Amino acid sequence: MNFVKFLSGHGRRALPGLESLRQYSADAAEYARRNYANNVSEYNTVIESLIAQRRGNLLRDVYDDMMLDAVQPLRDTFHLLIVGAMKSNRLQDAFFFRDEMKAMGLPPDVNLYNFLISACGRSKNSATAIKLLEEMKKHEVKLKGETYICLLNACAATGRTDLVYAIVRDMTAAGLGLNKFCYAGLITAFKNKQPTTDETTNKIVELVKQSKGWSSIETSSDGGEKVMMNLSEEELYNIPTAEYVHRRGFINRQLTVYHVALHASAELKSKVTMETLLNMLKEDGFTYDVFIVMQAMRCYCLCGDVDSAVKMFEEFSSTRPALPELYVTIIEGAMLERTPERMKLAFDYLEKMNARGLFLNARQGNDLLLAAALDEGDYVNANYIWDMMQSRKTTVFLPAVEAYYKGLKARPIPPDDPRVVMVGRVYDDLSARMGGRRNLSF
């Protein structure tokens, strides 16, 4: 709580008399008790905590409180704020913090530009990333190897292979070789390039082969800063494994290029490419990690070959404990067709998952509930997923609740049914918080 905000509740006027002085003293004591930060170090800790909790939507509020408390942000503070905006995909906030930093006489350095360019990539805004490059050159900010890779991956997000190859030429001219993150960017660029042709998948396989001789790009001394912010290279370059990189035993970081290529195969629904890559992986002497199995299963399901996905799940989980992500992948994949047989298969794996004590996090639970809510059958899966989420007090999101509630109301269920009443109550509460109940037509 901010002191100015606290005083504003009392009209911010002088309080005459002994009782007023006592009240003011009590107010000051209450402020001291409730204020969450008093100096820049404490504010930095709060910002770090919000980033770790993925609550980037609150960073602007924290910054406003800093200003009201007359706490001067340091360069490190702005770096944290921009990294938080980057991780939460809030590009407008990232540039707001950049502008505030400039207004305080702190010119952006190369690390901050890297974070901004990365944020552009997450927002699929390659044009703004190129403008940042021009700004760096204008202000004579020296590019580092990381800057080139951030740019490469930002342009790859929009399928701009022309810009990607231009960046590669600039890197070569600067005496830099291509590392695994560069090849990851090249693969992503071809995956996102429209229209998709036979050249797309052929080029992906070709790039994986070329990457086997990748080099290590020399970087300057910002590695320590990334560690301080708990920011991995995968997060900085927007690699598909970014959300799993801190999970012990989930991915083999040597296989970054394979990870990106297999993710691309799933997105492109190319089973042939995926199986070619898996054979190449085996020939290179590597075994599958969890992320690779997830992408292979996704690809099989998206191509309509759920049986092969089930076989891969069972073979992989027979040698090690299956993680929730693998269950979610097979359940979500089975529900793509929404036939009675596929919905039954999904339900079987939901039961197995629940029996093993595995739980759904908010994103997984809401994704599955949204998919199950589209079922026109008996709604067993949607009900089961809802019950799993409720038993674990998993946060539900409005789109999933709305779809589930609409599905319940479309069925011959009495309006006073306990489930309908409870889901309706949750829906009303979320709708009110999001700006008013939506007009559903049933």
Protein backbone atom coordinates (compact mmCIF):
# COMPACT_ATOMS: atom_id res chain seq x y z
CA MET A 1 0.00 0.00 0.00
CA ASN A 2 1.27 3.46 -0.88
CA PHE A 3 1.42 6.35 1.61
CA VAL A 4 -0.09 8.81 -0.88
CA LYS A 5 -2.88 6.40 -1.65
CA PHE A 6 -3.41 5.89 2.09
CA LEU A 7 -3.62 9.62 2.83
CA SER A 8 -5.94 10.17 -0.12
CA GLY A 9 -8.60 8.27 1.79
CA HIS A 10 -8.53 11.06 4.40
CA GLY A 11 -8.77 13.94 1.96
CA ARG A 12 -5.05 14.72 2.34
CA ARG A 13 -5.79 17.69 4.63
CA ALA A 14 -4.45 18.79 8.02
CA LEU A 15 -6.10 17.12 11.00
CA PRO A 16 -6.47 19.57 13.90
CA GLY A 17 -6.67 18.61 17.56
CA LEU A 18 -5.34 15.81 19.77
CA GLU A 19 -7.71 13.19 18.41
CA SER A 20 -6.63 14.02 14.88
CA LEU A 21 -2.98 13.68 15.85
CA ARG A 22 -3.70 10.30 17.38
CA GLN A 23 -5.55 9.30 14.24
CA TYR A 24 -2.66 10.48 12.07
CA SER A 25 -0.22 8.49 14.21
CA ALA A 26 -2.40 5.41 13.89
CA ASP A 27 -2.67 5.94 10.15
CA ALA A 28 1.11 6.24 9.81
CA ALA A 29 1.59 3.05 11.84
CA GLU A 30 -0.97 1.26 9.67
CA TYR A 31 0.80 2.49 6.54
CA ALA A 32 4.15 1.25 7.84
CA ARG A 33 2.60 -2.13 8.58
CA ARG A 34 0.89 -2.50 5.22
CA ASN A 35 3.42 -0.95 2.84
CA TYR A 36 5.16 -3.76 0.98
CA ALA A 37 8.42 -1.95 0.05
CA ASN A 38 10.33 1.06 1.30
CA ASN A 39 13.44 1.28 -0.87
CA VAL A 40 14.67 0.27 -4.31
CA SER A 41 16.14 -3.02 -3.08
CA GLU A 42 12.82 -4.10 -1.58
CA TYR A 43 10.95 -3.01 -4.71
CA ASN A 44 13.35 -5.06 -6.84
CA THR A 45 12.55 -8.09 -4.67
CA VAL A 46 8.81 -7.52 -5.17
CA ILE A 47 9.30 -7.24 -8.94
CA GLU A 48 11.34 -10.45 -9.01
CA SER A 49 8.58 -12.22 -7.07
CA LEU A 50 5.89 -11.06 -9.49
CA ILE A 51 7.97 -12.23 -12.45
CA ALA A 52 8.43 -15.66 -10.83
CA GLN A 53 4.68 -15.87 -10.26
CA ARG A 54 4.00 -14.84 -13.90
CA ARG A 55 1.99 -11.83 -12.74
CA GLY A 56 3.40 -9.31 -15.18
CA ASN A 57 0.08 -7.47 -15.28
CA LEU A 58 0.93 -6.01 -11.86
CA LEU A 59 4.31 -4.52 -12.77
CA ARG A 60 2.87 -1.16 -13.82
CA ASP A 61 1.12 -0.90 -10.43
CA VAL A 62 4.37 -1.60 -8.60
CA TYR A 63 6.15 1.02 -10.69
CA ASP A 64 3.41 3.57 -9.94
CA ASP A 65 3.86 2.89 -6.23
CA MET A 66 7.60 3.45 -6.57
CA MET A 67 6.93 6.85 -8.08
CA LEU A 68 4.40 7.74 -5.39
CA ASP A 69 6.88 6.66 -2.72
CA ALA A 70 9.59 8.78 -4.38
CA VAL A 71 11.81 5.71 -4.73
CA GLN A 72 14.28 6.18 -7.58
CA PRO A 73 14.50 3.09 -9.84
CA LEU A 74 17.97 1.93 -10.82
CA ARG A 75 19.08 0.53 -14.15
CA ASP A 76 18.70 -2.98 -12.70
CA THR A 77 15.12 -2.13 -11.71
CA PHE A 78 14.22 -1.17 -15.27
CA HIS A 79 15.90 -4.31 -16.59
CA LEU A 80 13.76 -6.39 -14.23
CA LEU A 81 10.59 -4.55 -15.23
CA ILE A 82 11.27 -5.02 -18.93
CA VAL A 83 12.17 -8.69 -18.50
CA GLY A 84 8.90 -9.14 -16.59
CA ALA A 85 6.95 -7.42 -19.38
CA MET A 86 8.79 -9.56 -21.92
CA LYS A 87 8.02 -12.83 -20.12
CA SER A 88 4.34 -11.92 -19.80
CA ASN A 89 4.11 -10.82 -23.44
CA ARG A 90 3.22 -7.22 -22.59
CA LEU A 91 5.06 -5.31 -25.32
CA GLN A 92 3.38 -1.98 -24.59
CA ASP A 93 4.50 -2.16 -20.96
CA ALA A 94 8.05 -2.99 -22.03
CA PHE A 95 8.26 0.17 -24.13
CA PHE A 96 6.63 2.22 -21.37
CA PHE A 97 9.40 1.18 -18.98
CA ARG A 98 12.00 1.92 -21.68
CA ASP A 99 10.60 5.45 -22.11
CA GLU A 100 10.52 6.02 -18.35
CA MET A 101 14.12 4.89 -18.13
CA LYS A 102 15.13 7.37 -20.80
CA ALA A 103 13.22 10.17 -19.07
CA MET A 104 15.28 9.55 -15.94
CA GLY A 105 18.51 10.01 -17.83
CA LEU A 106 19.35 6.31 -18.16
CA PRO A 107 19.99 5.50 -21.84
CA PRO A 108 19.15 1.90 -22.82
CA ASP A 109 22.16 -0.39 -22.96
CA VAL A 110 22.68 -3.42 -25.17
CA ASN A 111 21.15 -5.84 -22.64
CA LEU A 112 17.98 -3.83 -22.41
CA TYR A 113 17.72 -3.70 -26.22
CA ASN A 114 18.07 -7.49 -26.25
CA PHE A 115 15.12 -7.80 -23.87
CA LEU A 116 13.01 -5.42 -25.96
CA ILE A 117 13.80 -7.23 -29.19
CA SER A 118 12.90 -10.52 -27.52
CA ALA A 119 9.58 -8.99 -26.42
CA CYS A 120 8.94 -8.03 -30.05
CA GLY A 121 9.50 -11.64 -31.07
CA ARG A 122 6.98 -12.90 -28.52
CA SER A 123 4.44 -10.42 -29.91
CA LYS A 124 5.29 -11.40 -33.51
CA ASN A 125 6.31 -7.82 -34.26
CA SER A 126 9.43 -8.09 -36.39
CA ALA A 127 9.02 -4.57 -37.82
CA THR A 128 9.47 -3.02 -34.37
CA ALA A 129 12.45 -5.29 -33.71
CA ILE A 130 14.15 -3.90 -36.83
CA LYS A 131 13.38 -0.34 -35.69
CA LEU A 132 15.13 -1.12 -32.42
CA LEU A 133 18.16 -2.28 -34.41
CA GLU A 134 18.18 1.04 -36.27
CA GLU A 135 17.89 2.88 -32.96
CA MET A 136 20.86 0.97 -31.57
CA LYS A 137 22.96 1.92 -34.56
CA LYS A 138 21.85 5.55 -34.30
CA HIS A 139 22.93 5.74 -30.67
CA GLU A 140 26.10 3.73 -31.36
CA VAL A 141 25.15 0.88 -29.06
CA LYS A 142 27.43 -1.99 -29.97
CA LEU A 143 25.62 -5.20 -30.92
CA LYS A 144 26.62 -8.47 -29.25
CA GLY A 145 26.17 -12.02 -30.41
CA GLU A 146 23.04 -12.27 -28.31
CA THR A 147 21.57 -9.21 -30.03
CA TYR A 148 21.86 -10.84 -33.44
CA ILE A 149 20.22 -14.03 -32.17
CA CYS A 150 17.37 -12.06 -30.55
CA LEU A 151 16.82 -10.28 -33.86
CA LEU A 152 17.01 -13.49 -35.85
CA ASN A 153 14.41 -15.21 -33.69
CA ALA A 154 12.18 -12.11 -33.58
CA CYS A 155 12.07 -12.02 -37.39
CA ALA A 156 11.61 -15.79 -37.51
CA ALA A 157 8.38 -15.44 -35.50
CA THR A 158 6.73 -13.79 -38.50
CA GLY A 159 8.26 -16.07 -41.12
CA ARG A 160 10.50 -13.35 -42.55
CA THR A 161 13.18 -15.60 -44.01
CA ASP A 162 14.56 -12.66 -46.01
CA LEU A 163 15.29 -10.71 -42.83
CA VAL A 164 16.59 -13.81 -41.09
CA TYR A 165 19.15 -14.45 -43.83
CA ALA A 166 20.11 -10.77 -43.83
CA ILE A 167 20.86 -11.06 -40.11
CA VAL A 168 22.89 -14.21 -40.74
CA ARG A 169 24.95 -12.28 -43.33
CA ASP A 170 25.51 -9.48 -40.80
CA MET A 171 26.65 -12.02 -38.22
CA THR A 172 29.09 -13.56 -40.66
CA ALA A 173 30.43 -10.12 -41.57
CA ALA A 174 30.94 -9.45 -37.85
CA GLY A 175 33.00 -12.61 -37.56
CA LEU A 176 30.33 -14.62 -35.73
CA GLY A 177 29.41 -18.22 -36.49
CA LEU A 178 25.98 -19.80 -36.15
CA ASN A 179 25.11 -21.59 -32.94
CA LYS A 180 22.18 -23.87 -32.13
CA PHE A 181 19.88 -20.94 -31.36
CA CYS A 182 20.55 -19.48 -34.80
CA TYR A 183 19.58 -22.74 -36.46
CA ALA A 184 16.53 -22.87 -34.21
CA GLY A 185 15.57 -19.43 -35.53
CA LEU A 186 16.09 -20.48 -39.14
CA ILE A 187 13.84 -23.51 -38.63
CA THR A 188 11.18 -21.37 -36.98
CA ALA A 189 11.31 -18.89 -39.85
CA PHE A 190 10.57 -21.60 -42.40
CA LYS A 191 7.85 -23.05 -40.18
CA ASN A 192 6.11 -19.66 -40.04
CA LYS A 193 6.69 -18.70 -43.68
CA GLN A 194 3.55 -18.64 -45.79
CA PRO A 195 2.50 -20.41 -47.86
CA THR A 196 3.77 -23.78 -46.64
CA THR A 197 5.28 -25.87 -49.44
CA ASP A 198 7.26 -29.10 -49.81
CA GLU A 199 10.37 -26.94 -49.49
CA THR A 200 9.31 -26.07 -45.94
CA THR A 201 9.70 -29.52 -44.43
CA ASN A 202 12.71 -30.38 -46.62
CA LYS A 203 14.44 -27.21 -45.45
CA ILE A 204 13.78 -28.07 -41.80
CA VAL A 205 15.47 -31.46 -42.15
CA GLU A 206 18.34 -29.86 -44.07
CA LEU A 207 18.88 -27.24 -41.35
CA VAL A 208 18.97 -29.91 -38.64
CA LYS A 209 21.71 -31.68 -40.58
CA GLN A 210 23.65 -28.44 -41.05
CA SER A 211 23.38 -27.59 -37.37
CA LYS A 212 25.53 -30.52 -36.29
CA GLY A 213 28.59 -28.35 -36.79
CA TRP A 214 27.22 -25.37 -34.85
CA SER A 215 29.64 -23.10 -33.10
CA SER A 216 29.55 -21.20 -29.83
CA ILE A 217 28.99 -17.48 -30.24
CA GLU A 218 31.10 -15.30 -28.02
CA THR A 219 28.96 -13.17 -25.73
CA SER A 220 29.87 -10.37 -23.39
CA SER A 221 29.42 -10.22 -19.68
CA ASP A 222 25.63 -10.11 -19.42
CA GLY A 223 25.45 -13.80 -18.56
CA GLY A 224 25.57 -12.89 -14.89
CA GLU A 225 22.62 -10.56 -15.31
CA LYS A 226 20.54 -13.27 -16.99
CA VAL A 227 21.32 -15.57 -14.06
CA MET A 228 20.28 -12.86 -11.60
CA MET A 229 16.95 -12.53 -13.42
CA ASN A 230 16.55 -16.29 -13.77
CA LEU A 231 16.38 -15.76 -17.52
CA SER A 232 17.54 -18.66 -19.67
CA GLU A 233 18.80 -18.39 -23.22
CA GLU A 234 15.74 -20.35 -24.32
CA GLU A 235 13.50 -17.67 -22.81
CA LEU A 236 15.53 -14.81 -24.27
CA TYR A 237 15.34 -16.29 -27.77
CA ASN A 238 11.73 -17.54 -27.47
CA ILE A 239 12.60 -21.21 -28.02
CA PRO A 240 9.60 -23.60 -27.62
CA THR A 241 11.29 -25.33 -24.67
CA ALA A 242 11.52 -22.06 -22.69
CA GLU A 243 8.80 -22.96 -20.18
CA TYR A 244 10.40 -26.35 -19.47
CA VAL A 245 14.07 -25.41 -19.29
CA HIS A 246 14.04 -25.04 -15.51
CA ARG A 247 12.38 -28.44 -15.08
CA ARG A 248 14.95 -30.98 -14.00
CA GLY A 249 15.19 -33.96 -16.33
CA PHE A 250 12.55 -32.63 -18.73
CA ILE A 251 14.77 -31.70 -21.67
CA ASN A 252 18.27 -32.41 -22.91
CA ARG A 253 19.58 -28.94 -23.73
CA GLN A 254 21.98 -30.44 -26.28
CA LEU A 255 18.97 -31.19 -28.46
CA THR A 256 17.66 -27.64 -28.94
CA VAL A 257 17.64 -27.88 -32.73
CA TYR A 258 15.78 -31.18 -32.62
CA HIS A 259 13.29 -29.70 -30.15
CA VAL A 260 12.49 -26.80 -32.44
CA ALA A 261 12.36 -28.99 -35.55
CA LEU A 262 10.02 -31.53 -33.97
CA HIS A 263 7.82 -28.74 -32.64
CA ALA A 264 7.68 -27.37 -36.19
CA SER A 265 6.77 -30.81 -37.55
CA ALA A 266 3.83 -31.01 -35.16
CA GLU A 267 2.67 -27.50 -36.04
CA LEU A 268 2.91 -28.32 -39.76
CA LYS A 269 1.21 -31.70 -39.22
CA SER A 270 4.00 -33.50 -41.05
CA LYS A 271 4.31 -37.04 -39.74
CA VAL A 272 6.91 -37.90 -42.37
CA THR A 273 9.19 -35.06 -41.26
CA MET A 274 8.72 -35.96 -37.59
CA GLU A 275 9.62 -39.62 -38.12
CA THR A 276 12.63 -38.63 -40.26
CA LEU A 277 13.89 -36.44 -37.43
CA LEU A 278 13.36 -39.17 -34.83
CA ASN A 279 15.45 -41.57 -36.95
CA MET A 280 18.18 -38.93 -37.28
CA LEU A 281 18.12 -38.46 -33.52
CA LYS A 282 18.64 -42.18 -32.95
CA GLU A 283 21.45 -42.28 -35.52
CA ASP A 284 23.15 -39.47 -33.59
CA GLY A 285 23.10 -41.67 -30.50
CA PHE A 286 20.52 -39.70 -28.50
CA THR A 287 17.46 -40.93 -26.63
CA TYR A 288 14.13 -39.16 -26.44
CA ASP A 289 13.54 -36.63 -23.69
CA VAL A 290 10.07 -35.66 -22.45
CA PHE A 291 9.69 -32.67 -24.78
CA ILE A 292 10.55 -34.76 -27.84
CA VAL A 293 7.96 -37.38 -26.89
CA MET A 294 5.37 -34.64 -26.37
CA GLN A 295 5.96 -33.19 -29.84
CA ALA A 296 5.94 -36.60 -31.52
CA MET A 297 2.66 -37.47 -29.78
CA ARG A 298 1.19 -34.09 -30.76
CA CYS A 299 2.20 -34.65 -34.36
CA TYR A 300 0.64 -38.12 -34.48
CA CYS A 301 -2.61 -36.83 -32.96
CA LEU A 302 -2.82 -33.83 -35.27
CA CYS A 303 -2.30 -36.17 -38.21
CA GLY A 304 -5.14 -38.42 -36.99
CA ASP A 305 -2.85 -41.28 -35.92
CA VAL A 306 -3.82 -41.44 -32.23
CA ASP A 307 -2.88 -45.13 -32.00
CA SER A 308 0.77 -44.33 -32.68
CA ALA A 309 0.64 -41.56 -30.06
CA VAL A 310 -0.73 -44.02 -27.50
CA LYS A 311 1.99 -46.53 -28.38
CA MET A 312 4.69 -43.90 -27.91
CA PHE A 313 3.19 -42.82 -24.58
CA GLU A 314 3.05 -46.37 -23.27
CA GLU A 315 6.57 -47.26 -24.42
CA PHE A 316 8.10 -44.12 -22.93
CA SER A 317 6.19 -44.30 -19.64
CA SER A 318 7.07 -47.99 -19.19
CA THR A 319 10.66 -47.02 -18.37
CA ARG A 320 10.04 -43.91 -16.26
CA PRO A 321 7.20 -42.15 -14.43
CA ALA A 322 4.90 -40.35 -16.85
CA LEU A 323 4.62 -36.62 -16.19
CA PRO A 324 1.35 -34.64 -16.27
CA GLU A 325 2.43 -33.01 -19.55
CA LEU A 326 2.46 -36.39 -21.31
CA TYR A 327 -1.00 -37.26 -20.01
CA VAL A 328 -2.33 -33.86 -21.05
CA THR A 329 -0.84 -34.31 -24.54
CA ILE A 330 -2.48 -37.68 -25.11
CA ILE A 331 -5.82 -36.57 -23.58
CA GLU A 332 -5.94 -33.38 -25.63
CA GLY A 333 -4.89 -35.26 -28.76
CA ALA A 334 -7.57 -37.92 -28.27
CA MET A 335 -10.27 -35.27 -27.93
CA LEU A 336 -9.41 -33.63 -31.25
CA GLU A 337 -11.86 -35.86 -33.15
CA ARG A 338 -14.53 -35.93 -30.37
CA THR A 339 -15.92 -39.28 -31.51
CA PRO A 340 -17.30 -41.57 -28.75
CA GLU A 341 -14.24 -43.82 -29.08
CA ARG A 342 -11.74 -40.97 -28.81
CA MET A 343 -13.57 -39.32 -25.91
CA LYS A 344 -13.57 -42.67 -24.09
CA LEU A 345 -9.82 -42.97 -24.68
CA ALA A 346 -9.32 -39.48 -23.26
CA PHE A 347 -11.43 -40.38 -20.22
CA ASP A 348 -9.38 -43.51 -19.57
CA TYR A 349 -6.19 -41.45 -19.43
CA LEU A 350 -7.87 -38.84 -17.24
CA GLU A 351 -8.69 -41.61 -14.77
CA LYS A 352 -5.15 -42.99 -14.93
CA MET A 353 -3.72 -39.54 -14.36
CA ASN A 354 -5.99 -38.91 -11.39
CA ALA A 355 -5.25 -42.35 -9.90
CA ARG A 356 -1.53 -41.55 -9.92
CA GLY A 357 -2.13 -38.36 -7.97
CA LEU A 358 -1.05 -36.12 -10.83
CA PHE A 359 -2.75 -32.75 -11.04
CA LEU A 360 -3.46 -30.19 -13.70
CA ASN A 361 -1.96 -26.73 -13.44
CA ALA A 362 -4.13 -23.76 -14.42
CA ARG A 363 -3.09 -23.66 -18.07
CA GLN A 364 -3.38 -27.43 -18.58
CA GLY A 365 -6.72 -27.67 -16.80
CA ASN A 366 -8.31 -24.79 -18.67
CA ASP A 367 -7.00 -26.00 -22.04
CA LEU A 368 -8.47 -29.46 -21.43
CA LEU A 369 -11.76 -28.09 -20.09
CA LEU A 370 -12.12 -25.84 -23.13
CA ALA A 371 -11.49 -28.79 -25.46
CA ALA A 372 -13.84 -31.13 -23.57
CA ALA A 373 -16.58 -28.49 -23.44
CA LEU A 374 -16.93 -28.76 -27.22
CA ASP A 375 -18.08 -32.38 -26.91
CA GLU A 376 -21.64 -32.98 -28.07
CA GLY A 377 -21.82 -36.36 -26.31
CA ASP A 378 -22.41 -37.29 -22.67
CA TYR A 379 -20.09 -34.59 -21.27
CA VAL A 380 -18.34 -37.07 -18.98
CA ASN A 381 -14.88 -35.71 -19.81
CA ALA A 382 -15.79 -32.08 -19.21
CA ASN A 383 -17.42 -32.94 -15.88
CA TYR A 384 -14.44 -35.04 -14.81
CA ILE A 385 -11.92 -32.31 -15.71
CA TRP A 386 -13.99 -29.72 -13.85
CA ASP A 387 -14.12 -31.95 -10.78
CA MET A 388 -10.35 -32.54 -10.92
CA MET A 389 -9.74 -28.81 -11.07
CA GLN A 390 -12.18 -28.10 -8.23
CA SER A 391 -10.67 -30.77 -5.98
CA ARG A 392 -7.24 -29.16 -6.40
CA LYS A 393 -8.61 -25.60 -6.26
CA THR A 394 -7.09 -24.97 -9.69
CA THR A 395 -7.72 -21.47 -11.01
CA VAL A 396 -10.29 -21.43 -13.79
CA PHE A 397 -10.35 -18.89 -16.64
CA LEU A 398 -13.42 -17.25 -18.14
CA PRO A 399 -13.23 -18.74 -21.69
CA ALA A 400 -13.12 -22.31 -20.36
CA VAL A 401 -15.86 -21.71 -17.76
CA GLU A 402 -18.06 -19.97 -20.35
CA ALA A 403 -17.73 -22.87 -22.80
CA TYR A 404 -18.41 -25.43 -20.05
CA TYR A 405 -21.40 -23.51 -18.67
CA LYS A 406 -22.84 -23.10 -22.15
CA GLY A 407 -22.46 -26.84 -22.72
CA LEU A 408 -24.20 -27.68 -19.45
CA LYS A 409 -27.09 -25.31 -20.20
CA ALA A 410 -27.54 -26.88 -23.64
CA ARG A 411 -28.22 -30.27 -22.04
CA PRO A 412 -31.49 -31.50 -20.51
CA ILE A 413 -30.34 -30.75 -16.96
CA PRO A 414 -32.62 -29.06 -14.39
CA PRO A 415 -31.56 -25.43 -13.80
CA ASP A 416 -31.32 -26.12 -10.04
CA ASP A 417 -28.87 -28.98 -10.56
CA PRO A 418 -25.99 -28.43 -8.07
CA ARG A 419 -23.35 -28.58 -10.80
CA VAL A 420 -25.14 -26.07 -13.03
CA VAL A 421 -25.71 -23.73 -10.08
CA MET A 422 -22.06 -23.88 -8.99
CA VAL A 423 -20.62 -23.40 -12.48
CA GLY A 424 -23.08 -20.56 -13.10
CA ARG A 425 -21.94 -18.88 -9.90
CA VAL A 426 -18.29 -19.13 -10.93
CA TYR A 427 -19.15 -17.86 -14.40
CA ASP A 428 -21.04 -14.86 -13.01
CA ASP A 429 -18.17 -14.00 -10.68
CA LEU A 430 -15.55 -14.18 -13.43
CA SER A 431 -17.76 -12.25 -15.85
CA ALA A 432 -18.27 -9.47 -13.33
CA ARG A 433 -14.55 -9.20 -12.75
CA MET A 434 -13.92 -9.11 -16.49
CA GLY A 435 -16.41 -6.32 -17.10
CA GLY A 436 -19.91 -7.65 -17.06
CA ARG A 437 -21.72 -10.86 -17.87
CA ARG A 438 -21.64 -11.93 -21.47
CA ASN A 439 -24.82 -12.43 -23.41
CA LEU A 440 -24.96 -16.15 -24.05
CA SER A 441 -27.44 -17.51 -26.55
CA PHE A 442 -28.44 -21.09 -25.91
